[in-house]
């Protein structure tokens, strides 16, 4: 199996999704991929413990993808070995009435991870330039001062929104949040098969909505707007990675491996030194505990 390198998946301003594979053939069975993931996620869990003790960085993991791309199961499998206190997952749905009374980034600001913790956004602030771009009429529900009709949601509006997102991420990065953004790239045929599985398996029926079929009609538009968003916002301090995701097991291993590779580059993240006074008496404390036994 080839070595997974972050640079092989990192996107830039010239990213073209049509030229990128949706399936990565590692030449391994799903079971062997899961076994490799087990090792990587344990190392990630150990790193998180160290980062929690260090307390100077936060990590924000952003997951985007078409419906059925595998975001939920990826979160479950990649972060399974984390201490529960060290990771917080937020799944962003349709904005609530309260959220619509604030700017489009407000609900994301208040969900950000504190220093020492991982935050995982399942769908992210990019919904504000994806779903709303496919359905610009949704913007009218934000009650913005200069938007009174769909025609007001023009190119200048999207330019402004992308600038706001880039400013948001730059501010986070400058204040100690490490940002990693992943687009789970699946084929339209793979989505069709996964939707059929939801209908075939009774225990999966609850996941299906007729809206899923309606949104498939906009597949090409979504892909075009995903591509534009990635091109405009993949920065050194907040990179995008395009993950071939027709294989869920492969996608999980790739995401976990990229996170571990990039986080281990921060060699300043280490456990704090023990207080000298305590360190000088460690043997005494050991003896006291041994005597109790």
C-alpha atoms as a PDB file:
ATOM      1  CA  UNK A   1       0.000   0.000   0.000  1.00  0.00           C
ATOM      2  CA  UNK A   2       1.347   3.424  -0.928  1.00  0.00           C
ATOM      3  CA  UNK A   3       2.093   5.945   1.817  1.00  0.00           C
ATOM      4  CA  UNK A   4      -0.699   8.453   2.376  1.00  0.00           C
ATOM      5  CA  UNK A   5       0.658  11.995   2.074  1.00  0.00           C
ATOM      6  CA  UNK A   6      -1.361  15.135   2.754  1.00  0.00           C
ATOM      7  CA  UNK A   7       0.169  16.887  -0.254  1.00  0.00           C
ATOM      8  CA  UNK A   8      -1.390  14.322  -2.612  1.00  0.00           C
ATOM      9  CA  UNK A   9      -4.882  15.436  -1.604  1.00  0.00           C
ATOM     10  CA  UNK A  10      -4.423  19.135  -0.874  1.00  0.00           C
ATOM     11  CA  UNK A  11      -6.369  21.436  -3.181  1.00  0.00           C
ATOM     12  CA  UNK A  12      -5.352  24.828  -4.511  1.00  0.00           C
ATOM     13  CA  UNK A  13      -6.778  27.663  -6.569  1.00  0.00           C
ATOM     14  CA  UNK A  14      -6.562  25.528  -9.712  1.00  0.00           C
ATOM     15  CA  UNK A  15      -8.515  22.583  -8.280  1.00  0.00           C
ATOM     16  CA  UNK A  16     -10.767  20.834 -10.828  1.00  0.00           C
ATOM     17  CA  UNK A  17     -13.037  18.234  -9.254  1.00  0.00           C
ATOM     18  CA  UNK A  18     -13.802  16.587 -12.583  1.00  0.00           C
ATOM     19  CA  UNK A  19     -10.146  15.583 -12.853  1.00  0.00           C
ATOM     20  CA  UNK A  20      -9.955  14.018  -9.396  1.00  0.00           C
ATOM     21  CA  UNK A  21     -10.768  10.389  -8.626  1.00  0.00           C
ATOM     22  CA  UNK A  22     -13.625   9.481  -6.315  1.00  0.00           C
ATOM     23  CA  UNK A  23     -12.136   6.067  -5.498  1.00  0.00           C
ATOM     24  CA  UNK A  24      -8.692   5.300  -4.112  1.00  0.00           C
ATOM     25  CA  UNK A  25      -7.531   1.736  -4.744  1.00  0.00           C
ATOM     26  CA  UNK A  26      -5.186   0.806  -1.928  1.00  0.00           C
ATOM     27  CA  UNK A  27      -5.131  -2.838  -2.962  1.00  0.00           C
ATOM     28  CA  UNK A  28      -6.345  -3.819   0.501  1.00  0.00           C
ATOM     29  CA  UNK A  29      -9.581  -5.298   1.791  1.00  0.00           C
ATOM     30  CA  UNK A  30     -11.941  -3.183   3.872  1.00  0.00           C
ATOM     31  CA  UNK A  31     -10.867  -5.182   6.946  1.00  0.00           C
ATOM     32  CA  UNK A  32      -7.199  -4.365   6.383  1.00  0.00           C
ATOM     33  CA  UNK A  33      -8.023  -0.685   5.839  1.00  0.00           C
ATOM     34  CA  UNK A  34      -9.943  -0.706   9.126  1.00  0.00           C
ATOM     35  CA  UNK A  35      -6.955  -2.297  10.871  1.00  0.00           C
ATOM     36  CA  UNK A  36      -4.654   0.441   9.586  1.00  0.00           C
ATOM     37  CA  UNK A  37      -7.158   3.078  10.705  1.00  0.00           C
ATOM     38  CA  UNK A  38      -7.145   1.578  14.203  1.00  0.00           C
ATOM     39  CA  UNK A  39      -3.433   2.332  14.586  1.00  0.00           C
ATOM     40  CA  UNK A  40      -3.679   5.859  13.183  1.00  0.00           C
ATOM     41  CA  UNK A  41      -6.683   6.872  15.267  1.00  0.00           C
ATOM     42  CA  UNK A  42      -4.983   5.646  18.463  1.00  0.00           C
ATOM     43  CA  UNK A  43      -2.039   7.898  17.652  1.00  0.00           C
ATOM     44  CA  UNK A  44      -4.461  10.757  17.012  1.00  0.00           C
ATOM     45  CA  UNK A  45      -6.061  10.110  20.393  1.00  0.00           C
ATOM     46  CA  UNK A  46      -2.657  10.221  22.079  1.00  0.00           C
ATOM     47  CA  UNK A  47      -1.892  13.493  20.308  1.00  0.00           C
ATOM     48  CA  UNK A  48      -5.167  14.990  21.492  1.00  0.00           C
ATOM     49  CA  UNK A  49      -4.324  14.126  25.116  1.00  0.00           C
ATOM     50  CA  UNK A  50      -1.012  15.932  24.694  1.00  0.00           C
ATOM     51  CA  UNK A  51      -2.675  18.909  23.020  1.00  0.00           C
ATOM     52  CA  UNK A  52      -5.251  19.100  25.821  1.00  0.00           C
ATOM     53  CA  UNK A  53      -2.483  19.257  28.418  1.00  0.00           C
ATOM     54  CA  UNK A  54      -0.542  21.808  26.358  1.00  0.00           C
ATOM     55  CA  UNK A  55      -3.641  23.995  26.063  1.00  0.00           C
ATOM     56  CA  UNK A  56      -2.458  26.529  23.468  1.00  0.00           C
ATOM     57  CA  UNK A  57      -3.995  25.251  20.244  1.00  0.00           C
ATOM     58  CA  UNK A  58      -7.448  24.211  19.095  1.00  0.00           C
ATOM     59  CA  UNK A  59      -8.147  22.080  16.033  1.00  0.00           C
ATOM     60  CA  UNK A  60     -11.126  22.659  13.742  1.00  0.00           C
ATOM     61  CA  UNK A  61     -11.954  19.827  11.346  1.00  0.00           C
ATOM     62  CA  UNK A  62     -14.487  20.801   8.666  1.00  0.00           C
ATOM     63  CA  UNK A  63     -16.316  18.096   6.723  1.00  0.00           C
ATOM     64  CA  UNK A  64     -18.309  18.817   3.587  1.00  0.00           C
ATOM     65  CA  UNK A  65     -19.744  16.540   0.945  1.00  0.00           C
ATOM     66  CA  UNK A  66     -22.831  15.658  -1.004  1.00  0.00           C
ATOM     67  CA  UNK A  67     -25.590  13.742   0.785  1.00  0.00           C
ATOM     68  CA  UNK A  68     -24.495  10.157   1.635  1.00  0.00           C
ATOM     69  CA  UNK A  69     -20.790  11.097   1.375  1.00  0.00           C
ATOM     70  CA  UNK A  70     -20.141   9.388   4.716  1.00  0.00           C
ATOM     71  CA  UNK A  71     -19.544  12.302   7.093  1.00  0.00           C
ATOM     72  CA  UNK A  72     -21.327  10.784  10.095  1.00  0.00           C
ATOM     73  CA  UNK A  73     -19.609   7.412   9.948  1.00  0.00           C
ATOM     74  CA  UNK A  74     -16.234   9.043   9.297  1.00  0.00           C
ATOM     75  CA  UNK A  75     -16.583  11.118  12.466  1.00  0.00           C
ATOM     76  CA  UNK A  76     -17.575   8.024  14.448  1.00  0.00           C
ATOM     77  CA  UNK A  77     -14.635   5.928  13.228  1.00  0.00           C
ATOM     78  CA  UNK A  78     -11.817   8.500  13.046  1.00  0.00           C
ATOM     79  CA  UNK A  79     -12.398  10.047  16.484  1.00  0.00           C
ATOM     80  CA  UNK A  80     -13.414   6.872  18.307  1.00  0.00           C
ATOM     81  CA  UNK A  81     -10.259   6.764  20.467  1.00  0.00           C
ATOM     82  CA  UNK A  82     -10.457  10.384  21.624  1.00  0.00           C
ATOM     83  CA  UNK A  83     -11.120  11.234  25.236  1.00  0.00           C
ATOM     84  CA  UNK A  84     -14.734  12.436  25.239  1.00  0.00           C
ATOM     85  CA  UNK A  85     -13.721  15.713  26.879  1.00  0.00           C
ATOM     86  CA  UNK A  86     -11.333  16.475  24.035  1.00  0.00           C
ATOM     87  CA  UNK A  87     -13.620  16.534  20.984  1.00  0.00           C
ATOM     88  CA  UNK A  88     -16.924  18.268  20.289  1.00  0.00           C
ATOM     89  CA  UNK A  89     -18.987  17.567  17.166  1.00  0.00           C
ATOM     90  CA  UNK A  90     -21.492  20.034  15.734  1.00  0.00           C
ATOM     91  CA  UNK A  91     -23.899  19.087  12.959  1.00  0.00           C
ATOM     92  CA  UNK A  92     -25.311  22.201  11.334  1.00  0.00           C
ATOM     93  CA  UNK A  93     -28.831  21.887   9.978  1.00  0.00           C
ATOM     94  CA  UNK A  94     -31.235  24.481   8.549  1.00  0.00           C
ATOM     95  CA  UNK A  95     -30.707  27.702  10.567  1.00  0.00           C
ATOM     96  CA  UNK A  96     -33.115  28.220  13.441  1.00  0.00           C
ATOM     97  CA  UNK A  97     -35.138  31.407  13.930  1.00  0.00           C
ATOM     98  CA  UNK A  98     -32.584  32.595  16.495  1.00  0.00           C
ATOM     99  CA  UNK A  99     -29.663  31.852  14.163  1.00  0.00           C
ATOM    100  CA  UNK A 100     -31.326  33.797  11.334  1.00  0.00           C
ATOM    101  CA  UNK A 101     -31.422  36.860  13.595  1.00  0.00           C
ATOM    102  CA  UNK A 102     -27.613  36.906  13.505  1.00  0.00           C
ATOM    103  CA  UNK A 103     -25.068  37.020  10.700  1.00  0.00           C
ATOM    104  CA  UNK A 104     -24.411  33.790   8.809  1.00  0.00           C
ATOM    105  CA  UNK A 105     -21.211  33.020  10.747  1.00  0.00           C
ATOM    106  CA  UNK A 106     -22.583  33.579  14.255  1.00  0.00           C
ATOM    107  CA  UNK A 107     -23.700  30.013  14.921  1.00  0.00           C
ATOM    108  CA  UNK A 108     -20.283  28.770  13.820  1.00  0.00           C
ATOM    109  CA  UNK A 109     -18.406  31.208  16.048  1.00  0.00           C
ATOM    110  CA  UNK A 110     -20.225  30.016  19.154  1.00  0.00           C
ATOM    111  CA  UNK A 111     -19.522  26.359  18.289  1.00  0.00           C
ATOM    112  CA  UNK A 112     -15.751  26.773  17.917  1.00  0.00           C
ATOM    113  CA  UNK A 113     -13.476  24.503  19.971  1.00  0.00           C
ATOM    114  CA  UNK A 114     -11.645  25.977  22.936  1.00  0.00           C
ATOM    115  CA  UNK A 115      -7.871  25.636  23.240  1.00  0.00           C
ATOM    116  CA  UNK A 116      -6.823  22.086  23.883  1.00  0.00           C
ATOM    117  CA  UNK A 117      -9.810  20.600  22.069  1.00  0.00           C
ATOM    118  CA  UNK A 118     -10.849  19.323  18.665  1.00  0.00           C
ATOM    119  CA  UNK A 119     -14.005  20.680  17.091  1.00  0.00           C
ATOM    120  CA  UNK A 120     -15.604  18.807  14.206  1.00  0.00           C
ATOM    121  CA  UNK A 121     -18.080  20.608  11.988  1.00  0.00           C
ATOM    122  CA  UNK A 122     -20.375  18.156  10.196  1.00  0.00           C
ATOM    123  CA  UNK A 123     -21.432  20.499   7.428  1.00  0.00           C
ATOM    124  CA  UNK A 124     -19.944  23.883   8.024  1.00  0.00           C
ATOM    125  CA  UNK A 125     -19.988  27.605   7.371  1.00  0.00           C
ATOM    126  CA  UNK A 126     -19.563  26.640   3.706  1.00  0.00           C
ATOM    127  CA  UNK A 127     -23.233  25.730   3.527  1.00  0.00           C
ATOM    128  CA  UNK A 128     -23.635  29.529   3.298  1.00  0.00           C
ATOM    129  CA  UNK A 129     -21.977  29.507  -0.135  1.00  0.00           C
ATOM    130  CA  UNK A 130     -23.201  26.098  -1.330  1.00  0.00           C
ATOM    131  CA  UNK A 131     -26.845  25.351  -0.545  1.00  0.00           C
ATOM    132  CA  UNK A 132     -27.706  29.041  -0.630  1.00  0.00           C
ATOM    133  CA  UNK A 133     -25.944  29.434  -3.945  1.00  0.00           C
ATOM    134  CA  UNK A 134     -27.919  26.601  -5.500  1.00  0.00           C
ATOM    135  CA  UNK A 135     -31.058  28.016  -3.849  1.00  0.00           C
ATOM    136  CA  UNK A 136     -30.453  31.787  -3.599  1.00  0.00           C
ATOM    137  CA  UNK A 137     -34.035  32.319  -2.454  1.00  0.00           C
ATOM    138  CA  UNK A 138     -32.904  31.014   0.950  1.00  0.00           C
ATOM    139  CA  UNK A 139     -30.891  34.204   1.399  1.00  0.00           C
ATOM    140  CA  UNK A 140     -34.130  36.174   1.623  1.00  0.00           C
ATOM    141  CA  UNK A 141     -34.785  34.400   4.925  1.00  0.00           C
ATOM    142  CA  UNK A 142     -31.680  36.045   6.408  1.00  0.00           C
ATOM    143  CA  UNK A 143     -33.402  39.463   6.279  1.00  0.00           C
ATOM    144  CA  UNK A 144     -30.285  41.288   5.107  1.00  0.00           C
ATOM    145  CA  UNK A 145     -30.588  45.075   4.684  1.00  0.00           C
ATOM    146  CA  UNK A 146     -29.576  45.185   1.009  1.00  0.00           C
ATOM    147  CA  UNK A 147     -31.239  41.972  -0.151  1.00  0.00           C
ATOM    148  CA  UNK A 148     -34.921  42.394  -0.993  1.00  0.00           C
ATOM    149  CA  UNK A 149     -35.258  40.053  -3.965  1.00  0.00           C
ATOM    150  CA  UNK A 150     -33.364  37.111  -5.451  1.00  0.00           C
ATOM    151  CA  UNK A 151     -31.810  39.383  -8.089  1.00  0.00           C
ATOM    152  CA  UNK A 152     -29.936  41.170  -5.281  1.00  0.00           C
ATOM    153  CA  UNK A 153     -28.005  37.951  -4.617  1.00  0.00           C
ATOM    154  CA  UNK A 154     -25.503  38.669  -7.377  1.00  0.00           C
ATOM    155  CA  UNK A 155     -21.798  38.003  -7.965  1.00  0.00           C
ATOM    156  CA  UNK A 156     -20.821  40.902  -5.709  1.00  0.00           C
ATOM    157  CA  UNK A 157     -22.840  39.317  -2.908  1.00  0.00           C
ATOM    158  CA  UNK A 158     -20.937  36.024  -3.206  1.00  0.00           C
ATOM    159  CA  UNK A 159     -17.597  37.836  -3.457  1.00  0.00           C
ATOM    160  CA  UNK A 160     -18.410  39.555  -0.179  1.00  0.00           C
ATOM    161  CA  UNK A 161     -19.466  36.300   1.490  1.00  0.00           C
ATOM    162  CA  UNK A 162     -16.266  34.523   0.454  1.00  0.00           C
ATOM    163  CA  UNK A 163     -14.230  37.443   1.788  1.00  0.00           C
ATOM    164  CA  UNK A 164     -16.050  37.132   5.112  1.00  0.00           C
ATOM    165  CA  UNK A 165     -15.327  33.408   5.281  1.00  0.00           C
ATOM    166  CA  UNK A 166     -11.646  33.924   4.488  1.00  0.00           C
ATOM    167  CA  UNK A 167     -11.442  36.660   7.140  1.00  0.00           C
ATOM    168  CA  UNK A 168     -13.184  34.376   9.653  1.00  0.00           C
ATOM    169  CA  UNK A 169     -10.684  31.569   9.097  1.00  0.00           C
ATOM    170  CA  UNK A 170      -7.672  33.866   9.068  1.00  0.00           C
ATOM    171  CA  UNK A 171      -8.706  35.316  12.413  1.00  0.00           C
ATOM    172  CA  UNK A 172      -9.082  31.829  13.885  1.00  0.00           C
ATOM    173  CA  UNK A 173      -5.694  30.721  12.582  1.00  0.00           C
ATOM    174  CA  UNK A 174      -3.937  33.816  13.908  1.00  0.00           C
ATOM    175  CA  UNK A 175      -5.336  33.036  17.349  1.00  0.00           C
ATOM    176  CA  UNK A 176      -4.228  29.424  17.583  1.00  0.00           C
ATOM    177  CA  UNK A 177      -6.884  27.358  15.801  1.00  0.00           C
ATOM    178  CA  UNK A 178      -5.499  24.810  13.339  1.00  0.00           C
ATOM    179  CA  UNK A 179      -7.992  24.450  10.489  1.00  0.00           C
ATOM    180  CA  UNK A 180      -8.296  21.418   8.198  1.00  0.00           C
ATOM    181  CA  UNK A 181     -11.110  21.218   5.647  1.00  0.00           C
ATOM    182  CA  UNK A 182     -12.120  17.989   3.901  1.00  0.00           C
ATOM    183  CA  UNK A 183     -14.382  17.577   0.894  1.00  0.00           C
ATOM    184  CA  UNK A 184     -15.615  13.979   0.689  1.00  0.00           C
ATOM    185  CA  UNK A 185     -15.646  13.452  -3.062  1.00  0.00           C
ATOM    186  CA  UNK A 186     -18.117  10.780  -4.237  1.00  0.00           C
ATOM    187  CA  UNK A 187     -19.501   9.917  -7.648  1.00  0.00           C
ATOM    188  CA  UNK A 188     -23.136  10.374  -8.574  1.00  0.00           C
ATOM    189  CA  UNK A 189     -23.436   6.625  -9.128  1.00  0.00           C
ATOM    190  CA  UNK A 190     -22.077   5.878  -5.647  1.00  0.00           C
ATOM    191  CA  UNK A 191     -24.617   8.284  -4.153  1.00  0.00           C
ATOM    192  CA  UNK A 192     -27.370   6.461  -6.059  1.00  0.00           C
ATOM    193  CA  UNK A 193     -26.247   3.129  -4.620  1.00  0.00           C
ATOM    194  CA  UNK A 194     -26.137   4.524  -1.081  1.00  0.00           C
ATOM    195  CA  UNK A 195     -29.611   6.003  -1.403  1.00  0.00           C
ATOM    196  CA  UNK A 196     -30.892   2.642  -2.645  1.00  0.00           C
ATOM    197  CA  UNK A 197     -29.294   1.001   0.395  1.00  0.00           C
ATOM    198  CA  UNK A 198     -31.170   3.389   2.673  1.00  0.00           C
ATOM    199  CA  UNK A 199     -34.398   2.293   1.038  1.00  0.00           C
ATOM    200  CA  UNK A 200     -33.489  -1.397   1.030  1.00  0.00           C
ATOM    201  CA  UNK A 201     -32.429  -1.710   4.680  1.00  0.00           C
ATOM    202  CA  UNK A 202     -35.215  -1.014   7.141  1.00  0.00           C
ATOM    203  CA  UNK A 203     -32.792   0.159   9.824  1.00  0.00           C
ATOM    204  CA  UNK A 204     -31.539   2.798   7.349  1.00  0.00           C
ATOM    205  CA  UNK A 205     -34.966   3.976   6.147  1.00  0.00           C
ATOM    206  CA  UNK A 206     -35.044   6.876   8.596  1.00  0.00           C
ATOM    207  CA  UNK A 207     -32.083   8.456   6.821  1.00  0.00           C
ATOM    208  CA  UNK A 208     -33.938   8.749   3.528  1.00  0.00           C
ATOM    209  CA  UNK A 209     -35.849  11.842   2.458  1.00  0.00           C
ATOM    210  CA  UNK A 210     -37.519  12.541  -0.898  1.00  0.00           C
ATOM    211  CA  UNK A 211     -35.555  15.803  -0.800  1.00  0.00           C
ATOM    212  CA  UNK A 212     -32.443  13.688  -1.468  1.00  0.00           C
ATOM    213  CA  UNK A 213     -33.815  12.875  -4.908  1.00  0.00           C
ATOM    214  CA  UNK A 214     -34.776  16.484  -5.554  1.00  0.00           C
ATOM    215  CA  UNK A 215     -31.253  17.665  -4.704  1.00  0.00           C
ATOM    216  CA  UNK A 216     -29.712  15.115  -7.086  1.00  0.00           C
ATOM    217  CA  UNK A 217     -31.205  17.215  -9.871  1.00  0.00           C
ATOM    218  CA  UNK A 218     -28.748  19.946  -8.872  1.00  0.00           C
ATOM    219  CA  UNK A 219     -25.698  17.652  -8.817  1.00  0.00           C
ATOM    220  CA  UNK A 220     -23.738  19.566 -11.464  1.00  0.00           C
ATOM    221  CA  UNK A 221     -24.476  22.915  -9.831  1.00  0.00           C
ATOM    222  CA  UNK A 222     -23.343  21.682  -6.436  1.00  0.00           C
ATOM    223  CA  UNK A 223     -20.115  20.331  -7.888  1.00  0.00           C
ATOM    224  CA  UNK A 224     -19.458  23.631  -9.668  1.00  0.00           C
ATOM    225  CA  UNK A 225     -20.025  25.632  -6.490  1.00  0.00           C
ATOM    226  CA  UNK A 226     -17.971  23.227  -4.364  1.00  0.00           C
ATOM    227  CA  UNK A 227     -15.125  23.658  -6.811  1.00  0.00           C
ATOM    228  CA  UNK A 228     -15.423  27.436  -6.700  1.00  0.00           C
ATOM    229  CA  UNK A 229     -15.514  27.450  -2.887  1.00  0.00           C
ATOM    230  CA  UNK A 230     -12.438  25.235  -2.667  1.00  0.00           C
ATOM    231  CA  UNK A 231     -10.541  27.348  -5.191  1.00  0.00           C
ATOM    232  CA  UNK A 232     -11.350  30.597  -3.377  1.00  0.00           C
ATOM    233  CA  UNK A 233     -10.714  29.473   0.185  1.00  0.00           C
ATOM    234  CA  UNK A 234      -7.960  26.846   0.214  1.00  0.00           C
ATOM    235  CA  UNK A 235      -5.228  28.759   2.000  1.00  0.00           C
ATOM    236  CA  UNK A 236      -1.980  27.792   3.710  1.00  0.00           C
ATOM    237  CA  UNK A 237      -3.558  28.467   7.116  1.00  0.00           C
ATOM    238  CA  UNK A 238      -6.863  26.751   6.192  1.00  0.00           C
ATOM    239  CA  UNK A 239      -6.257  24.153   3.475  1.00  0.00           C
ATOM    240  CA  UNK A 240      -8.837  22.057   1.675  1.00  0.00           C
ATOM    241  CA  UNK A 241      -8.265  18.366   0.997  1.00  0.00           C
ATOM    242  CA  UNK A 242     -10.296  16.505  -1.623  1.00  0.00           C
ATOM    243  CA  UNK A 243     -10.815  12.951  -0.365  1.00  0.00           C
ATOM    244  CA  UNK A 244     -11.868  10.147  -2.739  1.00  0.00           C
ATOM    245  CA  UNK A 245     -14.835   8.735  -0.825  1.00  0.00           C
ATOM    246  CA  UNK A 246     -16.537   6.048  -2.895  1.00  0.00           C
ATOM    247  CA  UNK A 247     -14.851   3.737  -0.374  1.00  0.00           C
ATOM    248  CA  UNK A 248     -15.838   4.799   3.141  1.00  0.00           C
ATOM    249  CA  UNK A 249     -13.036   2.768   4.702  1.00  0.00           C
ATOM    250  CA  UNK A 250     -10.473   4.378   2.408  1.00  0.00           C
ATOM    251  CA  UNK A 251     -11.786   7.888   3.052  1.00  0.00           C
ATOM    252  CA  UNK A 252     -11.591   7.424   6.834  1.00  0.00           C
ATOM    253  CA  UNK A 253      -8.000   6.221   6.651  1.00  0.00           C
ATOM    254  CA  UNK A 254      -6.973   9.101   4.391  1.00  0.00           C
ATOM    255  CA  UNK A 255      -8.537  11.787   6.609  1.00  0.00           C
ATOM    256  CA  UNK A 256      -7.057  10.307   9.794  1.00  0.00           C
ATOM    257  CA  UNK A 257      -3.607   9.951   8.199  1.00  0.00           C
ATOM    258  CA  UNK A 258      -3.615  13.536   6.911  1.00  0.00           C
ATOM    259  CA  UNK A 259      -4.584  14.892  10.334  1.00  0.00           C
ATOM    260  CA  UNK A 260      -1.874  12.897  12.082  1.00  0.00           C
ATOM    261  CA  UNK A 261       0.816  13.899   9.564  1.00  0.00           C
ATOM    262  CA  UNK A 262       0.032  17.612   9.759  1.00  0.00           C
ATOM    263  CA  UNK A 263      -0.497  17.789  13.518  1.00  0.00           C
ATOM    264  CA  UNK A 264       2.739  15.991  14.307  1.00  0.00           C
ATOM    265  CA  UNK A 265       4.585  18.827  12.589  1.00  0.00           C
ATOM    266  CA  UNK A 266       3.765  21.001  15.613  1.00  0.00           C
ATOM    267  CA  UNK A 267       6.706  19.902  17.744  1.00  0.00           C
ATOM    268  CA  UNK A 268       5.974  22.660  20.281  1.00  0.00           C
ATOM    269  CA  UNK A 269       2.881  20.740  21.370  1.00  0.00           C
ATOM    270  CA  UNK A 270       4.030  18.692  24.336  1.00  0.00           C
ATOM    271  CA  UNK A 271       2.948  17.892  27.873  1.00  0.00           C
ATOM    272  CA  UNK A 272       3.788  20.670  30.361  1.00  0.00           C
ATOM    273  CA  UNK A 273       6.775  20.119  32.639  1.00  0.00           C
ATOM    274  CA  UNK A 274       5.965  18.921  36.122  1.00  0.00           C
ATOM    275  CA  UNK A 275       6.363  21.511  38.880  1.00  0.00           C
ATOM    276  CA  UNK A 276       9.989  21.196  40.166  1.00  0.00           C
ATOM    277  CA  UNK A 277       8.815  20.880  43.772  1.00  0.00           C
ATOM    278  CA  UNK A 278       6.520  17.969  42.888  1.00  0.00           C
ATOM    279  CA  UNK A 279       9.151  16.376  40.633  1.00  0.00           C
ATOM    280  CA  UNK A 280      11.708  16.453  43.467  1.00  0.00           C
ATOM    281  CA  UNK A 281       9.391  14.398  45.673  1.00  0.00           C
ATOM    282  CA  UNK A 282       8.059  11.838  43.183  1.00  0.00           C
ATOM    283  CA  UNK A 283       9.808   8.939  44.903  1.00  0.00           C
ATOM    284  CA  UNK A 284       8.343  10.021  48.245  1.00  0.00           C
ATOM    285  CA  UNK A 285       4.815  10.004  46.741  1.00  0.00           C
ATOM    286  CA  UNK A 286       5.419   6.562  45.240  1.00  0.00           C
ATOM    287  CA  UNK A 287       6.525   5.189  48.596  1.00  0.00           C
ATOM    288  CA  UNK A 288       3.460   6.599  50.341  1.00  0.00           C
ATOM    289  CA  UNK A 289       1.170   4.887  47.855  1.00  0.00           C
ATOM    290  CA  UNK A 290       3.105   1.606  48.071  1.00  0.00           C
ATOM    291  CA  UNK A 291       2.763   1.597  51.870  1.00  0.00           C
ATOM    292  CA  UNK A 292      -1.025   1.825  51.497  1.00  0.00           C
ATOM    293  CA  UNK A 293      -0.917  -1.452  49.627  1.00  0.00           C
END
